[in-house]
C-alpha atoms as a PDB file:
ATOM      1  CA  MET A   1       0.000   0.000   0.000  1.00  0.00           C
ATOM      2  CA  ASP A   2       1.390   3.327  -1.027  1.00  0.00           C
ATOM      3  CA  LEU A   3       0.678   5.918   1.708  1.00  0.00           C
ATOM      4  CA  THR A   4       1.360   8.823  -0.630  1.00  0.00           C
ATOM      5  CA  LYS A   5      -1.757   7.974  -2.635  1.00  0.00           C
ATOM      6  CA  LEU A   6      -4.028   7.848   0.444  1.00  0.00           C
ATOM      7  CA  THR A   7      -6.970  10.277   0.100  1.00  0.00           C
ATOM      8  CA  SER A   8      -9.259  11.687   2.772  1.00  0.00           C
ATOM      9  CA  THR A   9     -12.244   9.658   1.524  1.00  0.00           C
ATOM     10  CA  THR A  10     -10.210   6.458   1.710  1.00  0.00           C
ATOM     11  CA  LEU A  11      -9.076   7.372   5.207  1.00  0.00           C
ATOM     12  CA  ARG A  12     -12.696   8.011   6.291  1.00  0.00           C
ATOM     13  CA  SER A  13     -13.822   4.649   4.923  1.00  0.00           C
ATOM     14  CA  ILE A  14     -10.957   2.888   6.706  1.00  0.00           C
ATOM     15  CA  THR A  15     -11.896   4.635   9.947  1.00  0.00           C
ATOM     16  CA  GLY A  16     -15.525   3.542   9.568  1.00  0.00           C
ATOM     17  CA  LEU A  17     -14.477  -0.036   8.900  1.00  0.00           C
ATOM     18  CA  THR A  18     -12.212   0.030  11.946  1.00  0.00           C
ATOM     19  CA  ASP A  19     -15.131   1.179  14.112  1.00  0.00           C
ATOM     20  CA  LYS A  20     -17.311  -1.624  12.744  1.00  0.00           C
ATOM     21  CA  LEU A  21     -14.514  -4.104  13.445  1.00  0.00           C
ATOM     22  CA  SER A  22     -14.197  -3.049  17.076  1.00  0.00           C
ATOM     23  CA  ALA A  23     -17.995  -3.206  17.538  1.00  0.00           C
ATOM     24  CA  THR A  24     -18.046  -6.707  16.060  1.00  0.00           C
ATOM     25  CA  ILE A  25     -15.213  -7.819  18.347  1.00  0.00           C
ATOM     26  CA  ASP A  26     -17.137  -6.503  21.366  1.00  0.00           C
ATOM     27  CA  GLU A  27     -20.228  -8.398  20.239  1.00  0.00           C
ATOM     28  CA  LEU A  28     -18.198 -11.601  19.840  1.00  0.00           C
ATOM     29  CA  LYS A  29     -16.819 -11.192  23.376  1.00  0.00           C
ATOM     30  CA  LYS A  30     -20.380 -10.888  24.728  1.00  0.00           C
ATOM     31  CA  ILE A  31     -21.413 -14.037  22.857  1.00  0.00           C
ATOM     32  CA  GLU A  32     -18.404 -15.925  24.230  1.00  0.00           C
ATOM     33  CA  GLN A  33     -19.286 -14.825  27.771  1.00  0.00           C
ATOM     34  CA  THR A  34     -22.864 -16.021  27.290  1.00  0.00           C
ATOM     35  CA  ILE A  35     -21.664 -19.401  25.992  1.00  0.00           C
ATOM     36  CA  LEU A  36     -19.210 -19.815  28.857  1.00  0.00           C
ATOM     37  CA  SER A  37     -21.806 -18.907  31.464  1.00  0.00           C
ATOM     38  CA  SER A  38     -24.274 -21.362  29.895  1.00  0.00           C
ATOM     39  CA  LEU A  39     -21.702 -24.151  29.975  1.00  0.00           C
ATOM     40  CA  SER A  40     -20.787 -23.444  33.590  1.00  0.00           C
ATOM     41  CA  GLY A  41     -24.440 -23.604  34.660  1.00  0.00           C
ATOM     42  CA  GLU A  42     -24.847 -19.939  35.524  1.00  0.00           C
ATOM     43  CA  ALA A  43     -27.947 -18.127  34.386  1.00  0.00           C
ATOM     44  CA  PRO A  44     -27.076 -15.701  31.612  1.00  0.00           C
ATOM     45  CA  ALA A  45     -27.599 -12.033  32.384  1.00  0.00           C
ATOM     46  CA  PRO A  46     -30.518 -10.555  30.457  1.00  0.00           C
ATOM     47  CA  ALA A  47     -29.429  -8.480  27.492  1.00  0.00           C
ATOM     48  CA  LYS A  48     -29.925  -4.759  27.914  1.00  0.00           C
ATOM     49  CA  ARG A  49     -31.644  -2.913  25.110  1.00  0.00           C
ATOM     50  CA  GLY A  50     -31.203   0.646  24.050  1.00  0.00           C
ATOM     51  CA  ARG A  51     -28.344   2.933  23.260  1.00  0.00           C
ATOM     52  CA  LYS A  52     -24.978   2.620  24.885  1.00  0.00           C
ATOM     53  CA  PRO A  53     -24.152   5.587  27.116  1.00  0.00           C
ATOM     54  CA  LYS A  54     -21.333   7.817  25.994  1.00  0.00           C
ATOM     55  CA  ALA A  55     -18.103   7.603  27.948  1.00  0.00           C
ATOM     56  CA  ALA A  56     -18.498  11.152  29.264  1.00  0.00           C
ATOM     57  CA  ALA A  57     -21.984  10.372  30.584  1.00  0.00           C
ATOM     58  CA  VAL A  58     -20.741   7.251  32.350  1.00  0.00           C
ATOM     59  CA  LYS A  59     -17.949   9.202  34.008  1.00  0.00           C
ATOM     60  CA  ALA A  60     -20.388  11.911  35.083  1.00  0.00           C
ATOM     61  CA  LYS A  61     -22.645   9.341  36.759  1.00  0.00           C
ATOM     62  CA  ALA A  62     -19.775   7.741  38.668  1.00  0.00           C
ATOM     63  CA  PRO A  63     -19.726   8.989  42.256  1.00  0.00           C
ATOM     64  CA  ALA A  64     -16.792  11.208  43.053  1.00  0.00           C
ATOM     65  CA  LYS A  65     -14.520   9.943  45.797  1.00  0.00           C
ATOM     66  CA  LYS A  66     -14.407  12.525  48.538  1.00  0.00           C
ATOM     67  CA  ALA A  67     -13.206  12.427  52.069  1.00  0.00           C
ATOM     68  CA  VAL A  68     -16.250  12.652  54.280  1.00  0.00           C
ATOM     69  CA  ALA A  69     -15.773  13.975  57.770  1.00  0.00           C
ATOM     70  CA  ALA A  70     -17.941  12.568  60.514  1.00  0.00           C
ATOM     71  CA  LYS A  71     -20.618  15.102  61.372  1.00  0.00           C
ATOM     72  CA  ALA A  72     -22.734  15.256  64.461  1.00  0.00           C
ATOM     73  CA  PRO A  73     -26.446  15.030  63.722  1.00  0.00           C
ATOM     74  CA  VAL A  74     -28.034  18.456  63.531  1.00  0.00           C
ATOM     75  CA  ALA A  75     -31.412  18.973  65.137  1.00  0.00           C
ATOM     76  CA  LYS A  76     -33.947  20.186  62.606  1.00  0.00           C
ATOM     77  CA  ALA A  77     -36.282  23.029  63.440  1.00  0.00           C
ATOM     78  CA  ALA A  78     -39.868  22.002  63.965  1.00  0.00           C
ATOM     79  CA  LYS A  79     -41.990  22.851  60.978  1.00  0.00           C
ATOM     80  CA  ALA A  80     -45.197  24.755  61.449  1.00  0.00           C
ATOM     81  CA  PRO A  81     -48.242  22.727  60.481  1.00  0.00           C
ATOM     82  CA  VAL A  82     -49.200  23.487  56.909  1.00  0.00           C
ATOM     83  CA  ALA A  83     -52.860  24.116  56.338  1.00  0.00           C
ATOM     84  CA  ALA A  84     -54.287  21.721  53.806  1.00  0.00           C
ATOM     85  CA  LYS A  85     -54.968  23.445  50.509  1.00  0.00           C
ATOM     86  CA  LYS A  86     -58.673  23.505  49.974  1.00  0.00           C
ATOM     87  CA  SER A  87     -59.717  22.468  46.544  1.00  0.00           C
ATOM     88  CA  GLY A  88     -62.684  24.516  45.449  1.00  0.00           C
ATOM     89  CA  LYS A  89     -65.817  23.067  44.036  1.00  0.00           C
ATOM     90  CA  ARG A  90     -65.991  22.300  40.374  1.00  0.00           C
ATOM     91  CA  GLY A  91     -66.627  25.417  38.293  1.00  0.00           C
ATOM     92  CA  ALA A  92     -65.731  27.835  41.104  1.00  0.00           C
ATOM     93  CA  ILE A  93     -63.190  29.687  38.976  1.00  0.00           C
ATOM     94  CA  LYS A  94     -65.842  30.172  36.294  1.00  0.00           C
ATOM     95  CA  GLU A  95     -68.117  31.940  38.750  1.00  0.00           C
ATOM     96  CA  GLN A  96     -65.279  34.105  40.012  1.00  0.00           C
ATOM     97  CA  ILE A  97     -64.080  35.162  36.550  1.00  0.00           C
ATOM     98  CA  VAL A  98     -67.626  35.908  35.363  1.00  0.00           C
ATOM     99  CA  ALA A  99     -68.223  37.984  38.499  1.00  0.00           C
ATOM    100  CA  ALA A 100     -65.002  39.932  37.884  1.00  0.00           C
ATOM    101  CA  LEU A 101     -66.000  40.567  34.259  1.00  0.00           C
ATOM    102  CA  GLN A 102     -69.488  41.733  35.307  1.00  0.00           C
ATOM    103  CA  LYS A 103     -67.929  44.108  37.812  1.00  0.00           C
ATOM    104  CA  ALA A 104     -65.529  45.463  35.148  1.00  0.00           C
ATOM    105  CA  GLY A 105     -68.406  46.258  32.799  1.00  0.00           C
ATOM    106  CA  ALA A 106     -68.027  47.247  29.141  1.00  0.00           C
ATOM    107  CA  LYS A 107     -64.369  48.238  29.417  1.00  0.00           C
ATOM    108  CA  GLY A 108     -63.446  44.677  30.398  1.00  0.00           C
ATOM    109  CA  ALA A 109     -60.786  43.296  32.718  1.00  0.00           C
ATOM    110  CA  SER A 110     -57.230  42.261  32.026  1.00  0.00           C
ATOM    111  CA  VAL A 111     -55.953  38.760  32.597  1.00  0.00           C
ATOM    112  CA  LYS A 112     -53.291  40.178  34.898  1.00  0.00           C
ATOM    113  CA  ASP A 113     -55.868  41.852  37.144  1.00  0.00           C
ATOM    114  CA  ILE A 114     -58.154  38.828  37.236  1.00  0.00           C
ATOM    115  CA  SER A 115     -55.314  36.448  38.078  1.00  0.00           C
ATOM    116  CA  ALA A 116     -54.113  38.766  40.866  1.00  0.00           C
ATOM    117  CA  LYS A 117     -57.605  39.043  42.382  1.00  0.00           C
ATOM    118  CA  LEU A 118     -58.310  35.320  42.239  1.00  0.00           C
ATOM    119  CA  GLY A 119     -54.828  34.088  43.122  1.00  0.00           C
ATOM    120  CA  VAL A 120     -54.623  32.034  39.939  1.00  0.00           C
ATOM    121  CA  LYS A 121     -51.732  31.866  37.489  1.00  0.00           C
ATOM    122  CA  PRO A 122     -52.188  34.157  34.467  1.00  0.00           C
ATOM    123  CA  GLY A 123     -51.607  31.216  32.121  1.00  0.00           C
ATOM    124  CA  ASN A 124     -54.546  29.372  33.658  1.00  0.00           C
ATOM    125  CA  VAL A 125     -56.789  32.409  33.152  1.00  0.00           C
ATOM    126  CA  HIS A 126     -55.697  32.660  29.500  1.00  0.00           C
ATOM    127  CA  VAL A 127     -56.545  28.997  28.993  1.00  0.00           C
ATOM    128  CA  TRP A 128     -59.894  29.495  30.682  1.00  0.00           C
ATOM    129  CA  PHE A 129     -60.740  32.305  28.248  1.00  0.00           C
ATOM    130  CA  ALA A 130     -59.648  30.185  25.285  1.00  0.00           C
ATOM    131  CA  THR A 131     -61.799  27.224  26.327  1.00  0.00           C
ATOM    132  CA  THR A 132     -64.604  27.883  28.791  1.00  0.00           C
ATOM    133  CA  GLY A 133     -64.764  31.586  28.013  1.00  0.00           C
ATOM    134  CA  LYS A 134     -66.041  30.847  24.517  1.00  0.00           C
ATOM    135  CA  THR A 135     -69.067  28.979  25.864  1.00  0.00           C
ATOM    136  CA  VAL A 136     -69.841  31.622  28.495  1.00  0.00           C
ATOM    137  CA  GLY A 137     -69.926  34.469  25.990  1.00  0.00           C
ATOM    138  CA  VAL A 138     -66.703  36.341  26.527  1.00  0.00           C
ATOM    139  CA  GLU A 139     -65.135  38.541  23.865  1.00  0.00           C
ATOM    140  CA  LYS A 140     -61.635  39.910  23.517  1.00  0.00           C
ATOM    141  CA  VAL A 141     -61.418  43.697  23.717  1.00  0.00           C
ATOM    142  CA  ALA A 142     -57.638  44.070  23.453  1.00  0.00           C
ATOM    143  CA  PRO A 143     -54.630  41.791  23.941  1.00  0.00           C
ATOM    144  CA  GLY A 144     -55.087  40.267  27.390  1.00  0.00           C
ATOM    145  CA  VAL A 145     -58.342  42.180  28.061  1.00  0.00           C
ATOM    146  CA  TYR A 146     -61.733  40.469  27.983  1.00  0.00           C
ATOM    147  CA  ARG A 147     -65.386  41.421  28.659  1.00  0.00           C
ATOM    148  CA  LEU A 148     -68.776  39.752  28.654  1.00  0.00           C
ATOM    149  CA  LYS A 149     -70.734  40.050  25.429  1.00  0.00           C
ATOM    150  CA  ALA A 150     -73.583  42.522  25.712  1.00  0.00           C
END
């Protein structure tokens, strides 16, 4: 083989073939291990499916070896009892939004104001207008501002 006539495409194809060769050798080693374990009477390990993790990901998952000093247990502060969050009855937000829109009148109410008054996320109010608001009879006055249809 004359190395002076070696092109980049030939080099790439050789590299690809070398990768395939190493993968095939790894597969053969796994098959040999399975055969040997079958002959020795051991139960073969189930084959794992899926992609092989990259070497960097495997190293990242490995626990780092650190010197751990013995620490005395620290007493935790007692937590105040948390009041259970009351879930409202079904359709309660509908009544509240409609009431806020009636109070606002013809000028309408913004999503920001409604969400602040009701303690609901603005995204949830937007979704309510896009779904339930259509059936109730709500119209859009401006971006983020809605009113009841007259």
